[in-house]
Amino acid sequence: MNPYFPSETGSLTTLDRESTPTEKDLLALADFTAEETLSLLWLRQWYQSGGSDRVPIIRHLEFVKQLVACGRIAS
């Protein structure tokens, strides 16, 4: 038989969470703008959820975009 013992750990974890900086806070401390922070968090979520089946195509397009930005290919 498992008797019920009231636990105070629930209130402690709430306090711990409040004192622990969030990822947004950590990125802000690293001098990321709000837009950059949102982009980084969105990209992490996108990649963790499996990304896209078009990832190879997107990578090639990003590579071409980088070549244009560097001036190696004329637009």
C-alpha atoms as a PDB file:
ATOM      1  CA  MET A   1       0.000   0.000   0.000  1.00  0.00           C
ATOM      2  CA  ASN A   2       1.300   3.428  -0.945  1.00  0.00           C
ATOM      3  CA  PRO A   3       0.156   6.087   1.509  1.00  0.00           C
ATOM      4  CA  TYR A   4      -0.279   9.592   0.163  1.00  0.00           C
ATOM      5  CA  PHE A   5       2.369  12.017   1.344  1.00  0.00           C
ATOM      6  CA  PRO A   6       1.856  15.668   0.466  1.00  0.00           C
ATOM      7  CA  SER A   7       4.785  16.901  -1.542  1.00  0.00           C
ATOM      8  CA  GLU A   8       6.155  20.393  -1.620  1.00  0.00           C
ATOM      9  CA  THR A   9       8.268  19.715  -4.695  1.00  0.00           C
ATOM     10  CA  GLY A  10       5.530  21.084  -6.964  1.00  0.00           C
ATOM     11  CA  SER A  11       5.909  24.539  -5.461  1.00  0.00           C
ATOM     12  CA  LEU A  12       9.696  24.259  -5.629  1.00  0.00           C
ATOM     13  CA  THR A  13       9.684  23.414  -9.322  1.00  0.00           C
ATOM     14  CA  THR A  14       7.471  26.425  -9.944  1.00  0.00           C
ATOM     15  CA  LEU A  15       9.978  28.621  -8.138  1.00  0.00           C
ATOM     16  CA  ASP A  16      12.864  27.002 -10.013  1.00  0.00           C
ATOM     17  CA  ARG A  17      11.204  27.667 -13.341  1.00  0.00           C
ATOM     18  CA  GLU A  18      10.644  31.301 -12.449  1.00  0.00           C
ATOM     19  CA  SER A  19      14.287  31.799 -11.532  1.00  0.00           C
ATOM     20  CA  THR A  20      15.624  29.863 -14.531  1.00  0.00           C
ATOM     21  CA  PRO A  21      16.058  32.094 -17.591  1.00  0.00           C
ATOM     22  CA  THR A  22      14.098  31.038 -20.652  1.00  0.00           C
ATOM     23  CA  GLU A  23      15.646  30.448 -24.056  1.00  0.00           C
ATOM     24  CA  LYS A  24      14.315  33.827 -25.159  1.00  0.00           C
ATOM     25  CA  ASP A  25      16.067  35.482 -22.216  1.00  0.00           C
ATOM     26  CA  LEU A  26      19.335  33.705 -22.974  1.00  0.00           C
ATOM     27  CA  LEU A  27      19.202  34.736 -26.630  1.00  0.00           C
ATOM     28  CA  ALA A  28      18.427  38.324 -25.625  1.00  0.00           C
ATOM     29  CA  LEU A  29      21.451  38.291 -23.317  1.00  0.00           C
ATOM     30  CA  ALA A  30      23.529  37.119 -26.289  1.00  0.00           C
ATOM     31  CA  ASP A  31      22.478  40.319 -28.145  1.00  0.00           C
ATOM     32  CA  PHE A  32      20.047  38.680 -30.566  1.00  0.00           C
ATOM     33  CA  THR A  33      17.223  40.925 -31.727  1.00  0.00           C
ATOM     34  CA  ALA A  34      13.607  39.921 -31.147  1.00  0.00           C
ATOM     35  CA  GLU A  35      13.292  39.019 -34.844  1.00  0.00           C
ATOM     36  CA  GLU A  36      16.445  36.876 -34.770  1.00  0.00           C
ATOM     37  CA  THR A  37      15.279  35.157 -31.590  1.00  0.00           C
ATOM     38  CA  LEU A  38      11.916  34.335 -33.143  1.00  0.00           C
ATOM     39  CA  SER A  39      13.636  32.998 -36.269  1.00  0.00           C
ATOM     40  CA  LEU A  40      16.018  30.803 -34.269  1.00  0.00           C
ATOM     41  CA  LEU A  41      13.243  29.352 -32.120  1.00  0.00           C
ATOM     42  CA  TRP A  42      11.069  28.741 -35.190  1.00  0.00           C
ATOM     43  CA  LEU A  43      13.936  27.004 -37.046  1.00  0.00           C
ATOM     44  CA  ARG A  44      14.689  24.785 -34.057  1.00  0.00           C
ATOM     45  CA  GLN A  45      11.032  23.779 -33.821  1.00  0.00           C
ATOM     46  CA  TRP A  46      10.886  23.154 -37.571  1.00  0.00           C
ATOM     47  CA  TYR A  47      13.962  20.924 -37.591  1.00  0.00           C
ATOM     48  CA  GLN A  48      12.915  19.054 -34.443  1.00  0.00           C
ATOM     49  CA  SER A  49       9.527  18.275 -35.950  1.00  0.00           C
ATOM     50  CA  GLY A  50      11.099  16.700 -39.010  1.00  0.00           C
ATOM     51  CA  GLY A  51      11.623  19.656 -41.277  1.00  0.00           C
ATOM     52  CA  SER A  52      10.359  19.295 -44.790  1.00  0.00           C
ATOM     53  CA  ASP A  53      10.617  16.763 -47.569  1.00  0.00           C
ATOM     54  CA  ARG A  54      11.889  19.634 -49.717  1.00  0.00           C
ATOM     55  CA  VAL A  55      14.966  20.286 -47.583  1.00  0.00           C
ATOM     56  CA  PRO A  56      17.486  19.288 -50.315  1.00  0.00           C
ATOM     57  CA  ILE A  57      15.857  21.720 -52.764  1.00  0.00           C
ATOM     58  CA  ILE A  58      15.802  24.481 -50.160  1.00  0.00           C
ATOM     59  CA  ARG A  59      19.493  23.918 -49.394  1.00  0.00           C
ATOM     60  CA  HIS A  60      20.383  24.264 -53.079  1.00  0.00           C
ATOM     61  CA  LEU A  61      18.337  27.462 -53.366  1.00  0.00           C
ATOM     62  CA  GLU A  62      19.970  28.881 -50.242  1.00  0.00           C
ATOM     63  CA  PHE A  63      23.380  28.073 -51.730  1.00  0.00           C
ATOM     64  CA  VAL A  64      22.506  29.900 -54.956  1.00  0.00           C
ATOM     65  CA  LYS A  65      21.169  32.818 -52.905  1.00  0.00           C
ATOM     66  CA  GLN A  66      24.465  32.972 -51.022  1.00  0.00           C
ATOM     67  CA  LEU A  67      26.427  32.952 -54.297  1.00  0.00           C
ATOM     68  CA  VAL A  68      24.333  35.871 -55.573  1.00  0.00           C
ATOM     69  CA  ALA A  69      24.819  37.755 -52.305  1.00  0.00           C
ATOM     70  CA  CYS A  70      28.591  37.269 -52.530  1.00  0.00           C
ATOM     71  CA  GLY A  71      28.612  38.510 -56.127  1.00  0.00           C
ATOM     72  CA  ARG A  72      29.828  35.262 -57.646  1.00  0.00           C
ATOM     73  CA  ILE A  73      26.664  34.941 -59.733  1.00  0.00           C
ATOM     74  CA  ALA A  74      24.886  37.918 -61.292  1.00  0.00           C
ATOM     75  CA  SER A  75      21.197  38.132 -60.543  1.00  0.00           C
END
